[in-house]
Structure formats: structure tokens, C-alpha cells
Amino acid sequence: MNFSEIIKLFIESKQEYLIQAQGYEKDLLIFWNFLKTKNVDDESWPYFLGGANTELILESLKFYIKENKINSISTGSRFISVLVEFFQFIIDKKIIQNKELYEEMNSPIYSTRSFRARINSWISQNLKDKEGSAIFSQSEIVRLIHDCNEILNMRMMNDEVFEKKIVPALILKLVVLTGVKYKIVRSLSINDLNLRYGTIEINRYVIHLPHSLVDQFELYVSLRNEKANSDYLFIQLSGEQLPDKTGNTAYFLGSLTTRTDLTGIIKFAIVEMINKGIGESIIKEFTGVGKTIFEDCLNLINKDIHKDRNIFLDSRIRELFSFNKM
């Protein structure tokens, strides 16, 4: 079966066939052009893709970027998503056999073999979006928390995992919960955390932590105390305070989401607080955010309110006596 016939079968298998067929087909034809640079033809492609791995997919992404002159995270991520679905299709249908790629695509996010972590890391470092600090969606936050929990629930960990994954994962969960800026997080003292009562003090505000986060902090503190003696809550392996740039935290976030800016997470937390009736002065004092970020969050809420009002108004206008007499 030639490659164009496989593309057709794949597209027909998608429920979104009528809506997204053109986009799927375009991306897969570009992938086919990439394969042809490897001297692959309609007879050899199943054998060639049977030996494909994450590195080959990454190479095809670079080809896609160069051919289309793109630098957008969203566009690059969409191309990868299409390829992932395509490979899952041809593996599930037994059109090709590729145990290595299947295992890489299904490896947990903390694994060095993780397809998603390696691809996301490259995208986050080489591509960018016009709105780098756009708010994270609820589904993105749920996925982020899940991925952080996978890391924090690991049974085996070495020094590199501690510094580059455990510490960033805890920081991200704390930022999701509190909306606190990184510069405040890095300045937190070990004494600000009270494991007995499950609380943490941030900018003179004492808040309770979820039980699962308390358990994760308890494990972290035991590991931390084995490695260094420091007054800071979050530390480098040397025991020194975290650097003033987001560093490992940003890189880790990029490996999970393709985004490296914590601002989108901070905005999510602040919008949640505003919606729960927490006042501006408290939010600013607690999180350390300034006027710009707070107003961005207010604008996001106002847009949603206007959208809801618009839907309500439209539905009521369609119920008017005159509407059906026009």
C-alpha cells in the first residue's frame, strides 16, 4: 500500500474528517517529503518507519519548520500531534511494527526515554508563541498537576532528578495553588513550612496546603536535609538558594507543556482567587504580582462575563414576540 493510500485511511478513521482533513493531509504530505529526503519510497516506507524513533520525529519537525518558515509553538506542536496520531494508527493497525517508538511515546514524563518530554523540551527552547504569557487553561493545569505528581511519586531518584525534576515539580504545584511569583518562592525559608499543621507562610499570610502536597513536601524535606543544610526551603544540591532566574523550573515546565513562562500559571491562580471573591490588595500582597498582571486577569474575567451576557441576551432576543414575526 502506498503512502498516499495510508494517509487517506488514516484521515477517514478520524471523527474530525470533514473539519480537519485538510490540515492532517497537509502535515502528512510534508512528512512524506521529509521521508523522501531519506530515499524512502512507496515500497520501503513501512520498513523505514518500523525503525523510526524520537530522534527521527524530531528531525522531521526541524524539516517541517524549515520548509514552512514557522517559529510558532502551537504550529510545531500541532504537527507533532498529527504524527503521534498517525504512528499510533499504523502501529495499532499492524501496518508497521515499532516497539521502540511505541515505548518511547508511552514512557512516563519523568523517563529519559519519554517522547513527550524530549519533543516538548526542544519546542520550548527553539520555538515561541506571540502570547508567551497567555493564561493556562483548566485542562492544561490538570495535566500539569498530573505530570508533577508522577515525578513527585517516583520511588527512585538521584541528585540530578532531585534538582532538575523534584524541586521544579514542587515549585510548579505551589505556584498553581498560590499564584506566587518565582522570586518569592526562591526566598521562602524552611521555617515557613509547617509540616505538623500542613501550612506554609508566604508574605506573612499563613495558608493550609492540600494533604497530598503536604505529603510530597514531607518527602522532599527528608531528601533535602540529607543533601545540604540551608535556611532556604528550595535549594540547589550545594545547599545554596535557587538562582534568581527560573532556570531548571522553566526548563522542566517546557518539557511538560512546551511553555517556559510561569506567568500563565500565575494568571490562572489569580483568576481563580478573584472568582472566589479575594480582594485585589490581598492578592497583590500575597502573590507579589503588580498592576499589569492583575489587570490582565481582570480583563480575562470580564471577557468571560461579557461572553455569558452575550449568550443570555441572544437567547432572550430569540424568544421575543417580534423575532418570529420578522
C-alpha atoms as a PDB file:
ATOM      1  CA  MET A   1       0.000   0.000   0.000  1.00  0.00           C
ATOM      2  CA  ASN A   2       1.476   3.356  -0.984  1.00  0.00           C
ATOM      3  CA  PHE A   3       1.831   6.250   1.435  1.00  0.00           C
ATOM      4  CA  SER A   4      -0.965   8.371  -0.026  1.00  0.00           C
ATOM      5  CA  GLU A   5      -3.406   5.475   0.458  1.00  0.00           C
ATOM      6  CA  ILE A   6      -2.349   5.176   4.101  1.00  0.00           C
ATOM      7  CA  ILE A   7      -2.909   8.904   4.590  1.00  0.00           C
ATOM      8  CA  LYS A   8      -6.416   8.514   3.194  1.00  0.00           C
ATOM      9  CA  LEU A   9      -7.185   5.573   5.503  1.00  0.00           C
ATOM     10  CA  PHE A  10      -5.865   7.485   8.497  1.00  0.00           C
ATOM     11  CA  ILE A  11      -7.921  10.597   7.754  1.00  0.00           C
ATOM     12  CA  GLU A  12     -11.072   8.544   7.207  1.00  0.00           C
ATOM     13  CA  SER A  13     -10.557   6.964  10.622  1.00  0.00           C
ATOM     14  CA  LYS A  14     -10.757  10.349  12.334  1.00  0.00           C
ATOM     15  CA  GLN A  15     -14.115  11.607  13.546  1.00  0.00           C
ATOM     16  CA  GLU A  16     -12.968  15.107  12.635  1.00  0.00           C
ATOM     17  CA  TYR A  17     -12.585  14.022   8.981  1.00  0.00           C
ATOM     18  CA  LEU A  18     -14.678  16.773   7.424  1.00  0.00           C
ATOM     19  CA  ILE A  19     -13.258  19.518   9.643  1.00  0.00           C
ATOM     20  CA  GLN A  20      -9.558  18.721   9.928  1.00  0.00           C
ATOM     21  CA  ALA A  21      -8.826  16.517   6.922  1.00  0.00           C
ATOM     22  CA  GLN A  22      -7.062  19.255   5.025  1.00  0.00           C
ATOM     23  CA  GLY A  23      -4.752  20.030   7.951  1.00  0.00           C
ATOM     24  CA  TYR A  24      -3.931  16.363   8.604  1.00  0.00           C
ATOM     25  CA  GLU A  25      -3.236  15.714   4.940  1.00  0.00           C
ATOM     26  CA  LYS A  26      -1.024  18.778   4.550  1.00  0.00           C
ATOM     27  CA  ASP A  27       1.138  17.857   7.549  1.00  0.00           C
ATOM     28  CA  LEU A  28       1.481  14.218   6.494  1.00  0.00           C
ATOM     29  CA  LEU A  29       2.430  15.178   2.946  1.00  0.00           C
ATOM     30  CA  ILE A  30       5.201  17.351   4.381  1.00  0.00           C
ATOM     31  CA  PHE A  31       6.278  14.355   6.468  1.00  0.00           C
ATOM     32  CA  TRP A  32       6.308  12.309   3.245  1.00  0.00           C
ATOM     33  CA  ASN A  33       8.551  14.911   1.613  1.00  0.00           C
ATOM     34  CA  PHE A  34      10.872  14.549   4.596  1.00  0.00           C
ATOM     35  CA  LEU A  35      10.908  10.762   4.174  1.00  0.00           C
ATOM     36  CA  LYS A  36      11.845  11.182   0.518  1.00  0.00           C
ATOM     37  CA  THR A  37      14.986  13.065   1.601  1.00  0.00           C
ATOM     38  CA  LYS A  38      15.919   9.751   3.259  1.00  0.00           C
ATOM     39  CA  ASN A  39      15.443   7.940  -0.083  1.00  0.00           C
ATOM     40  CA  VAL A  40      12.213   6.351   1.143  1.00  0.00           C
ATOM     41  CA  ASP A  41       9.656   5.342  -1.489  1.00  0.00           C
ATOM     42  CA  ASP A  42       6.206   3.726  -1.595  1.00  0.00           C
ATOM     43  CA  GLU A  43       7.700   0.266  -1.207  1.00  0.00           C
ATOM     44  CA  SER A  44      10.212   0.931   1.551  1.00  0.00           C
ATOM     45  CA  TRP A  45       8.315   3.324   3.857  1.00  0.00           C
ATOM     46  CA  PRO A  46       6.797   0.620   6.151  1.00  0.00           C
ATOM     47  CA  TYR A  47      10.250  -0.863   6.789  1.00  0.00           C
ATOM     48  CA  PHE A  48      11.817   2.546   7.317  1.00  0.00           C
ATOM     49  CA  LEU A  49       9.135   3.700   9.781  1.00  0.00           C
ATOM     50  CA  GLY A  50       9.483   0.379  11.567  1.00  0.00           C
ATOM     51  CA  GLY A  51      12.866   1.689  12.683  1.00  0.00           C
ATOM     52  CA  ALA A  52      11.736   5.241  13.465  1.00  0.00           C
ATOM     53  CA  ASN A  53      12.352   6.733  16.901  1.00  0.00           C
ATOM     54  CA  THR A  54      12.019  10.049  18.723  1.00  0.00           C
ATOM     55  CA  GLU A  55      15.147  11.425  17.050  1.00  0.00           C
ATOM     56  CA  LEU A  56      13.684  10.833  13.584  1.00  0.00           C
ATOM     57  CA  ILE A  57      10.410  12.544  14.545  1.00  0.00           C
ATOM     58  CA  LEU A  58      12.388  15.488  15.892  1.00  0.00           C
ATOM     59  CA  GLU A  59      14.374  15.630  12.657  1.00  0.00           C
ATOM     60  CA  SER A  60      11.110  15.702  10.679  1.00  0.00           C
ATOM     61  CA  LEU A  61       9.875  18.570  12.875  1.00  0.00           C
ATOM     62  CA  LYS A  62      13.017  20.555  12.046  1.00  0.00           C
ATOM     63  CA  PHE A  63      12.378  19.839   8.344  1.00  0.00           C
ATOM     64  CA  TYR A  64       8.758  20.988   8.744  1.00  0.00           C
ATOM     65  CA  ILE A  65       9.866  24.225  10.425  1.00  0.00           C
ATOM     66  CA  LYS A  66      12.450  24.973   7.752  1.00  0.00           C
ATOM     67  CA  GLU A  67      10.143  24.176   4.820  1.00  0.00           C
ATOM     68  CA  ASN A  68       7.249  26.239   6.201  1.00  0.00           C
ATOM     69  CA  LYS A  69       9.341  29.012   7.777  1.00  0.00           C
ATOM     70  CA  ILE A  70       7.458  28.812  11.069  1.00  0.00           C
ATOM     71  CA  ASN A  71       8.523  29.654  14.618  1.00  0.00           C
ATOM     72  CA  SER A  72       5.248  29.133  16.471  1.00  0.00           C
ATOM     73  CA  ILE A  73       4.994  26.673  19.368  1.00  0.00           C
ATOM     74  CA  SER A  74       1.346  25.954  18.581  1.00  0.00           C
ATOM     75  CA  THR A  75       2.049  25.118  14.917  1.00  0.00           C
ATOM     76  CA  GLY A  76       5.008  22.900  15.760  1.00  0.00           C
ATOM     77  CA  SER A  77       3.016  21.136  18.483  1.00  0.00           C
ATOM     78  CA  ARG A  78       0.130  20.520  16.079  1.00  0.00           C
ATOM     79  CA  PHE A  79       2.467  18.869  13.551  1.00  0.00           C
ATOM     80  CA  ILE A  80       3.819  16.579  16.270  1.00  0.00           C
ATOM     81  CA  SER A  81       0.279  15.733  17.432  1.00  0.00           C
ATOM     82  CA  VAL A  82      -0.648  14.675  13.894  1.00  0.00           C
ATOM     83  CA  LEU A  83       2.446  12.460  13.644  1.00  0.00           C
ATOM     84  CA  VAL A  84       1.745  10.868  17.036  1.00  0.00           C
ATOM     85  CA  GLU A  85      -1.822  10.015  15.996  1.00  0.00           C
ATOM     86  CA  PHE A  86      -0.586   8.740  12.626  1.00  0.00           C
ATOM     87  CA  PHE A  87       2.036   6.453  14.166  1.00  0.00           C
ATOM     88  CA  GLN A  88      -0.467   5.166  16.722  1.00  0.00           C
ATOM     89  CA  PHE A  89      -2.809   4.367  13.828  1.00  0.00           C
ATOM     90  CA  ILE A  90      -0.281   2.465  11.695  1.00  0.00           C
ATOM     91  CA  ILE A  91       1.066   0.591  14.740  1.00  0.00           C
ATOM     92  CA  ASP A  92      -2.419  -0.331  16.029  1.00  0.00           C
ATOM     93  CA  LYS A  93      -3.444  -1.486  12.543  1.00  0.00           C
ATOM     94  CA  LYS A  94      -0.219  -3.539  12.369  1.00  0.00           C
ATOM     95  CA  ILE A  95       0.797  -1.754   9.187  1.00  0.00           C
ATOM     96  CA  ILE A  96       4.205  -1.370  10.805  1.00  0.00           C
ATOM     97  CA  GLN A  97       5.865  -2.846  13.877  1.00  0.00           C
ATOM     98  CA  ASN A  98       7.891  -0.453  16.020  1.00  0.00           C
ATOM     99  CA  LYS A  99       8.297  -1.456  19.651  1.00  0.00           C
ATOM    100  CA  GLU A 100      10.945   1.198  20.359  1.00  0.00           C
ATOM    101  CA  LEU A 101       8.860   4.180  19.247  1.00  0.00           C
ATOM    102  CA  TYR A 102       5.715   2.789  20.888  1.00  0.00           C
ATOM    103  CA  GLU A 103       7.547   2.501  24.216  1.00  0.00           C
ATOM    104  CA  GLU A 104       9.042   5.994  23.870  1.00  0.00           C
ATOM    105  CA  MET A 105       5.625   7.501  23.160  1.00  0.00           C
ATOM    106  CA  ASN A 106       4.160   5.726  26.186  1.00  0.00           C
ATOM    107  CA  SER A 107       7.044   6.314  28.601  1.00  0.00           C
ATOM    108  CA  PRO A 108       6.181   8.360  31.720  1.00  0.00           C
ATOM    109  CA  ILE A 109       7.092  12.030  31.567  1.00  0.00           C
ATOM    110  CA  TYR A 110       9.966  11.595  34.045  1.00  0.00           C
ATOM    111  CA  SER A 111      11.689   8.913  31.952  1.00  0.00           C
ATOM    112  CA  THR A 112      14.781   9.809  29.926  1.00  0.00           C
ATOM    113  CA  ARG A 113      13.092   7.910  27.074  1.00  0.00           C
ATOM    114  CA  SER A 114       9.913   9.983  27.211  1.00  0.00           C
ATOM    115  CA  PHE A 115       8.936  11.078  23.700  1.00  0.00           C
ATOM    116  CA  ARG A 116       6.755  13.894  25.016  1.00  0.00           C
ATOM    117  CA  ALA A 117       9.384  15.323  27.372  1.00  0.00           C
ATOM    118  CA  ARG A 118      12.117  15.312  24.716  1.00  0.00           C
ATOM    119  CA  ILE A 119       9.940  16.827  21.988  1.00  0.00           C
ATOM    120  CA  ASN A 120       8.430  19.432  24.327  1.00  0.00           C
ATOM    121  CA  SER A 121      11.862  20.451  25.611  1.00  0.00           C
ATOM    122  CA  TRP A 122      13.121  21.055  22.087  1.00  0.00           C
ATOM    123  CA  ILE A 123       9.994  23.006  21.087  1.00  0.00           C
ATOM    124  CA  SER A 124      10.102  25.174  24.212  1.00  0.00           C
ATOM    125  CA  GLN A 125      13.739  26.105  23.541  1.00  0.00           C
ATOM    126  CA  ASN A 126      13.509  26.695  19.790  1.00  0.00           C
ATOM    127  CA  LEU A 127      10.009  27.994  19.061  1.00  0.00           C
ATOM    128  CA  LYS A 128       7.883  30.715  20.584  1.00  0.00           C
ATOM    129  CA  ASP A 129       4.302  31.951  20.640  1.00  0.00           C
ATOM    130  CA  LYS A 130       3.125  35.520  20.169  1.00  0.00           C
ATOM    131  CA  GLU A 131       1.464  35.382  23.589  1.00  0.00           C
ATOM    132  CA  GLY A 132       4.066  33.651  25.730  1.00  0.00           C
ATOM    133  CA  SER A 133       2.350  34.669  28.959  1.00  0.00           C
ATOM    134  CA  ALA A 134      -1.186  33.642  27.980  1.00  0.00           C
ATOM    135  CA  ILE A 135      -3.174  32.107  30.822  1.00  0.00           C
ATOM    136  CA  PHE A 136      -3.076  28.324  31.169  1.00  0.00           C
ATOM    137  CA  SER A 137      -6.401  26.607  30.540  1.00  0.00           C
ATOM    138  CA  GLN A 138      -8.031  24.426  33.179  1.00  0.00           C
ATOM    139  CA  SER A 139      -7.247  21.282  31.177  1.00  0.00           C
ATOM    140  CA  GLU A 140      -3.590  22.328  30.883  1.00  0.00           C
ATOM    141  CA  ILE A 141      -3.416  22.851  34.643  1.00  0.00           C
ATOM    142  CA  VAL A 142      -4.980  19.439  35.321  1.00  0.00           C
ATOM    143  CA  ARG A 143      -2.424  17.807  33.010  1.00  0.00           C
ATOM    144  CA  LEU A 144       0.411  19.776  34.611  1.00  0.00           C
ATOM    145  CA  ILE A 145      -0.585  18.698  38.139  1.00  0.00           C
ATOM    146  CA  HIS A 146      -0.847  15.083  36.972  1.00  0.00           C
ATOM    147  CA  ASP A 147       2.632  15.195  35.431  1.00  0.00           C
ATOM    148  CA  CYS A 148       4.137  16.840  38.520  1.00  0.00           C
ATOM    149  CA  ASN A 149       2.550  14.165  40.711  1.00  0.00           C
ATOM    150  CA  GLU A 150       4.108  11.460  38.543  1.00  0.00           C
ATOM    151  CA  ILE A 151       7.511  12.979  39.246  1.00  0.00           C
ATOM    152  CA  LEU A 152       6.900  13.531  42.957  1.00  0.00           C
ATOM    153  CA  ASN A 153       5.620   9.988  43.461  1.00  0.00           C
ATOM    154  CA  MET A 154       8.746   8.396  41.982  1.00  0.00           C
ATOM    155  CA  ARG A 155      10.367   5.733  44.136  1.00  0.00           C
ATOM    156  CA  MET A 156      13.889   6.001  42.729  1.00  0.00           C
ATOM    157  CA  MET A 157      15.710   9.303  42.409  1.00  0.00           C
ATOM    158  CA  ASN A 158      19.280  10.554  42.185  1.00  0.00           C
ATOM    159  CA  ASP A 159      20.803  14.001  42.698  1.00  0.00           C
ATOM    160  CA  GLU A 160      20.044  15.106  39.137  1.00  0.00           C
ATOM    161  CA  VAL A 161      16.390  14.080  39.441  1.00  0.00           C
ATOM    162  CA  PHE A 162      16.151  15.902  42.774  1.00  0.00           C
ATOM    163  CA  GLU A 163      17.494  19.188  41.433  1.00  0.00           C
ATOM    164  CA  LYS A 164      16.038  19.158  37.916  1.00  0.00           C
ATOM    165  CA  LYS A 165      12.671  17.481  38.492  1.00  0.00           C
ATOM    166  CA  ILE A 166      11.641  17.145  42.155  1.00  0.00           C
ATOM    167  CA  VAL A 167      12.345  20.760  43.122  1.00  0.00           C
ATOM    168  CA  PRO A 168      10.740  22.223  39.940  1.00  0.00           C
ATOM    169  CA  ALA A 169       7.686  19.948  40.267  1.00  0.00           C
ATOM    170  CA  LEU A 170       7.040  21.137  43.837  1.00  0.00           C
ATOM    171  CA  ILE A 171       7.544  24.759  42.831  1.00  0.00           C
ATOM    172  CA  LEU A 172       5.076  24.428  39.952  1.00  0.00           C
ATOM    173  CA  LYS A 173       2.428  22.871  42.199  1.00  0.00           C
ATOM    174  CA  LEU A 174       2.909  25.654  44.743  1.00  0.00           C
ATOM    175  CA  VAL A 175       2.585  28.321  42.025  1.00  0.00           C
ATOM    176  CA  VAL A 176      -0.567  26.659  40.641  1.00  0.00           C
ATOM    177  CA  LEU A 177      -2.100  26.758  44.123  1.00  0.00           C
ATOM    178  CA  THR A 178      -0.968  30.227  45.209  1.00  0.00           C
ATOM    179  CA  GLY A 179      -0.058  32.290  42.125  1.00  0.00           C
ATOM    180  CA  VAL A 180       3.104  33.395  43.938  1.00  0.00           C
ATOM    181  CA  LYS A 181       5.911  34.838  41.817  1.00  0.00           C
ATOM    182  CA  TYR A 182       9.130  32.868  41.451  1.00  0.00           C
ATOM    183  CA  LYS A 183      11.247  35.481  43.232  1.00  0.00           C
ATOM    184  CA  ILE A 184       9.091  34.962  46.337  1.00  0.00           C
ATOM    185  CA  VAL A 185       9.205  31.173  46.025  1.00  0.00           C
ATOM    186  CA  ARG A 186      13.015  31.149  45.954  1.00  0.00           C
ATOM    187  CA  SER A 187      13.149  33.346  49.066  1.00  0.00           C
ATOM    188  CA  LEU A 188      10.917  31.070  51.185  1.00  0.00           C
ATOM    189  CA  SER A 189      12.533  29.773  54.367  1.00  0.00           C
ATOM    190  CA  ILE A 190      12.410  26.180  55.570  1.00  0.00           C
ATOM    191  CA  ASN A 191      10.740  27.619  58.680  1.00  0.00           C
ATOM    192  CA  ASP A 192       7.896  28.989  56.529  1.00  0.00           C
ATOM    193  CA  LEU A 193       6.749  25.395  56.009  1.00  0.00           C
ATOM    194  CA  ASN A 194       4.966  23.762  58.944  1.00  0.00           C
ATOM    195  CA  LEU A 195       4.507  20.073  58.192  1.00  0.00           C
ATOM    196  CA  ARG A 196       2.856  19.378  61.552  1.00  0.00           C
ATOM    197  CA  TYR A 197      -0.064  21.686  60.783  1.00  0.00           C
ATOM    198  CA  GLY A 198       0.159  21.418  56.991  1.00  0.00           C
ATOM    199  CA  THR A 199       0.649  25.148  56.441  1.00  0.00           C
ATOM    200  CA  ILE A 200       3.022  27.483  54.663  1.00  0.00           C
ATOM    201  CA  GLU A 201       3.651  31.169  55.334  1.00  0.00           C
ATOM    202  CA  ILE A 202       4.013  33.421  52.288  1.00  0.00           C
ATOM    203  CA  ASN A 203       4.388  37.177  52.652  1.00  0.00           C
ATOM    204  CA  ARG A 204       3.025  36.991  56.237  1.00  0.00           C
ATOM    205  CA  TYR A 205      -0.076  35.070  55.115  1.00  0.00           C
ATOM    206  CA  VAL A 206      -0.388  31.537  56.534  1.00  0.00           C
ATOM    207  CA  ILE A 207      -2.369  29.131  54.348  1.00  0.00           C
ATOM    208  CA  HIS A 208      -3.195  25.435  54.574  1.00  0.00           C
ATOM    209  CA  LEU A 209      -1.840  23.068  51.945  1.00  0.00           C
ATOM    210  CA  PRO A 210      -3.736  20.113  50.425  1.00  0.00           C
ATOM    211  CA  HIS A 211      -2.922  16.829  52.185  1.00  0.00           C
ATOM    212  CA  SER A 212      -1.258  15.354  49.099  1.00  0.00           C
ATOM    213  CA  LEU A 213       1.024  18.382  48.785  1.00  0.00           C
ATOM    214  CA  VAL A 214       1.931  18.154  52.493  1.00  0.00           C
ATOM    215  CA  ASP A 215       2.937  14.508  51.960  1.00  0.00           C
ATOM    216  CA  GLN A 216       5.067  15.487  48.968  1.00  0.00           C
ATOM    217  CA  PHE A 217       6.723  18.305  50.902  1.00  0.00           C
ATOM    218  CA  GLU A 218       7.427  15.886  53.752  1.00  0.00           C
ATOM    219  CA  LEU A 219       9.276  13.547  51.380  1.00  0.00           C
ATOM    220  CA  TYR A 220      11.079  16.481  49.790  1.00  0.00           C
ATOM    221  CA  VAL A 221      12.262  17.860  53.137  1.00  0.00           C
ATOM    222  CA  SER A 222      13.645  14.469  54.177  1.00  0.00           C
ATOM    223  CA  LEU A 223      15.610  14.272  50.913  1.00  0.00           C
ATOM    224  CA  ARG A 224      16.654  17.902  51.150  1.00  0.00           C
ATOM    225  CA  ASN A 225      18.022  17.513  54.670  1.00  0.00           C
ATOM    226  CA  GLU A 226      20.152  14.562  53.548  1.00  0.00           C
ATOM    227  CA  LYS A 227      21.805  16.677  50.874  1.00  0.00           C
ATOM    228  CA  ALA A 228      22.507  20.028  52.489  1.00  0.00           C
ATOM    229  CA  ASN A 229      21.936  22.274  55.481  1.00  0.00           C
ATOM    230  CA  SER A 230      20.246  25.503  54.424  1.00  0.00           C
ATOM    231  CA  ASP A 231      17.743  28.060  55.673  1.00  0.00           C
ATOM    232  CA  TYR A 232      16.011  28.166  52.285  1.00  0.00           C
ATOM    233  CA  LEU A 233      13.069  25.887  51.544  1.00  0.00           C
ATOM    234  CA  PHE A 234      14.030  25.246  47.927  1.00  0.00           C
ATOM    235  CA  ILE A 235      17.715  24.666  47.345  1.00  0.00           C
ATOM    236  CA  GLN A 236      20.327  23.622  44.837  1.00  0.00           C
ATOM    237  CA  LEU A 237      22.351  20.484  45.557  1.00  0.00           C
ATOM    238  CA  SER A 238      25.061  22.697  47.006  1.00  0.00           C
ATOM    239  CA  GLY A 239      22.583  23.982  49.587  1.00  0.00           C
ATOM    240  CA  GLU A 240      22.605  27.426  48.034  1.00  0.00           C
ATOM    241  CA  GLN A 241      19.485  29.460  47.285  1.00  0.00           C
ATOM    242  CA  LEU A 242      17.914  28.870  43.871  1.00  0.00           C
ATOM    243  CA  PRO A 243      19.212  31.271  41.179  1.00  0.00           C
ATOM    244  CA  ASP A 244      17.189  34.416  40.532  1.00  0.00           C
ATOM    245  CA  LYS A 245      16.316  33.223  37.013  1.00  0.00           C
ATOM    246  CA  THR A 246      13.745  30.448  36.738  1.00  0.00           C
ATOM    247  CA  GLY A 247      16.343  28.057  35.241  1.00  0.00           C
ATOM    248  CA  ASN A 248      15.521  24.423  35.993  1.00  0.00           C
ATOM    249  CA  THR A 249      11.888  25.253  36.754  1.00  0.00           C
ATOM    250  CA  ALA A 250      11.377  26.894  33.360  1.00  0.00           C
ATOM    251  CA  TYR A 251      13.154  24.064  31.541  1.00  0.00           C
ATOM    252  CA  PHE A 252      11.108  21.459  33.412  1.00  0.00           C
ATOM    253  CA  LEU A 253       7.867  23.307  32.628  1.00  0.00           C
ATOM    254  CA  GLY A 254       8.900  23.376  28.973  1.00  0.00           C
ATOM    255  CA  SER A 255       9.407  19.609  28.962  1.00  0.00           C
ATOM    256  CA  LEU A 256       5.841  19.161  30.236  1.00  0.00           C
ATOM    257  CA  THR A 257       3.975  21.834  28.293  1.00  0.00           C
ATOM    258  CA  THR A 258       6.308  23.428  25.651  1.00  0.00           C
ATOM    259  CA  ARG A 259       5.923  26.690  27.610  1.00  0.00           C
ATOM    260  CA  THR A 260       8.619  28.105  29.885  1.00  0.00           C
ATOM    261  CA  ASP A 261       6.936  31.214  31.316  1.00  0.00           C
ATOM    262  CA  LEU A 262       5.408  30.847  34.789  1.00  0.00           C
ATOM    263  CA  THR A 263       3.213  33.904  34.210  1.00  0.00           C
ATOM    264  CA  GLY A 264       0.490  31.841  32.525  1.00  0.00           C
ATOM    265  CA  ILE A 265       0.221  29.665  35.644  1.00  0.00           C
ATOM    266  CA  ILE A 266       0.242  32.687  37.952  1.00  0.00           C
ATOM    267  CA  LYS A 267      -2.622  34.221  35.957  1.00  0.00           C
ATOM    268  CA  PHE A 268      -4.636  31.014  36.270  1.00  0.00           C
ATOM    269  CA  ALA A 269      -4.264  31.056  40.064  1.00  0.00           C
ATOM    270  CA  ILE A 270      -5.132  34.751  40.353  1.00  0.00           C
ATOM    271  CA  VAL A 271      -8.245  34.408  38.179  1.00  0.00           C
ATOM    272  CA  GLU A 272      -9.330  31.561  40.472  1.00  0.00           C
ATOM    273  CA  MET A 273      -8.811  33.798  43.519  1.00  0.00           C
ATOM    274  CA  ILE A 274     -10.720  36.729  42.022  1.00  0.00           C
ATOM    275  CA  ASN A 275     -13.612  34.430  41.139  1.00  0.00           C
ATOM    276  CA  LYS A 276     -13.680  33.288  44.784  1.00  0.00           C
ATOM    277  CA  GLY A 277     -14.029  36.879  45.976  1.00  0.00           C
ATOM    278  CA  ILE A 278     -10.479  37.508  47.211  1.00  0.00           C
ATOM    279  CA  GLY A 279      -9.729  41.236  47.024  1.00  0.00           C
ATOM    280  CA  GLU A 280      -7.100  42.984  44.914  1.00  0.00           C
ATOM    281  CA  SER A 281      -4.948  44.196  47.812  1.00  0.00           C
ATOM    282  CA  ILE A 282      -4.759  40.743  49.406  1.00  0.00           C
ATOM    283  CA  ILE A 283      -3.895  39.084  46.091  1.00  0.00           C
ATOM    284  CA  LYS A 284      -1.133  41.594  45.350  1.00  0.00           C
ATOM    285  CA  GLU A 285       0.346  41.356  48.848  1.00  0.00           C
ATOM    286  CA  PHE A 286       0.213  37.562  48.873  1.00  0.00           C
ATOM    287  CA  THR A 287       1.429  36.777  45.339  1.00  0.00           C
ATOM    288  CA  GLY A 288       3.753  39.717  44.736  1.00  0.00           C
ATOM    289  CA  VAL A 289       2.203  40.491  41.340  1.00  0.00           C
ATOM    290  CA  GLY A 290       1.910  44.053  40.129  1.00  0.00           C
ATOM    291  CA  LYS A 291      -0.795  46.102  38.466  1.00  0.00           C
ATOM    292  CA  THR A 292      -0.209  44.768  34.934  1.00  0.00           C
ATOM    293  CA  ILE A 293      -0.724  41.078  35.693  1.00  0.00           C
ATOM    294  CA  PHE A 294      -3.674  41.754  37.992  1.00  0.00           C
ATOM    295  CA  GLU A 295      -5.416  43.881  35.345  1.00  0.00           C
ATOM    296  CA  ASP A 296      -4.742  41.199  32.714  1.00  0.00           C
ATOM    297  CA  CYS A 297      -6.557  38.743  34.975  1.00  0.00           C
ATOM    298  CA  LEU A 298      -9.481  41.135  35.456  1.00  0.00           C
ATOM    299  CA  ASN A 299      -9.744  41.578  31.689  1.00  0.00           C
ATOM    300  CA  LEU A 300      -9.869  37.801  31.220  1.00  0.00           C
ATOM    301  CA  ILE A 301     -12.727  37.565  33.717  1.00  0.00           C
ATOM    302  CA  ASN A 302     -14.577  40.486  32.121  1.00  0.00           C
ATOM    303  CA  LYS A 303     -14.309  38.824  28.702  1.00  0.00           C
ATOM    304  CA  ASP A 304     -15.907  35.670  30.085  1.00  0.00           C
ATOM    305  CA  ILE A 305     -18.635  37.707  31.795  1.00  0.00           C
ATOM    306  CA  HIS A 306     -19.364  39.577  28.558  1.00  0.00           C
ATOM    307  CA  LYS A 307     -19.488  36.283  26.653  1.00  0.00           C
ATOM    308  CA  ASP A 308     -22.017  34.864  29.137  1.00  0.00           C
ATOM    309  CA  ARG A 309     -24.082  38.059  28.966  1.00  0.00           C
ATOM    310  CA  ASN A 310     -23.998  37.944  25.176  1.00  0.00           C
ATOM    311  CA  ILE A 311     -25.259  34.353  25.148  1.00  0.00           C
ATOM    312  CA  PHE A 312     -28.018  35.273  27.619  1.00  0.00           C
ATOM    313  CA  LEU A 313     -29.046  38.358  25.616  1.00  0.00           C
ATOM    314  CA  ASP A 314     -29.065  36.470  22.317  1.00  0.00           C
ATOM    315  CA  SER A 315     -31.189  33.644  23.730  1.00  0.00           C
ATOM    316  CA  ARG A 316     -33.746  36.079  25.144  1.00  0.00           C
ATOM    317  CA  ILE A 317     -33.953  38.136  21.947  1.00  0.00           C
ATOM    318  CA  ARG A 318     -34.766  34.959  20.019  1.00  0.00           C
ATOM    319  CA  GLU A 319     -37.703  34.467  22.407  1.00  0.00           C
ATOM    320  CA  LEU A 320     -39.188  37.903  21.706  1.00  0.00           C
ATOM    321  CA  PHE A 321     -42.600  38.111  20.038  1.00  0.00           C
ATOM    322  CA  SER A 322     -41.207  40.304  17.272  1.00  0.00           C
ATOM    323  CA  PHE A 323     -38.365  37.869  16.475  1.00  0.00           C
ATOM    324  CA  ASN A 324     -40.759  35.327  14.986  1.00  0.00           C
ATOM    325  CA  LYS A 325     -42.745  37.995  13.156  1.00  0.00           C
ATOM    326  CA  MET A 326     -39.859  39.423  11.191  1.00  0.00           C
END
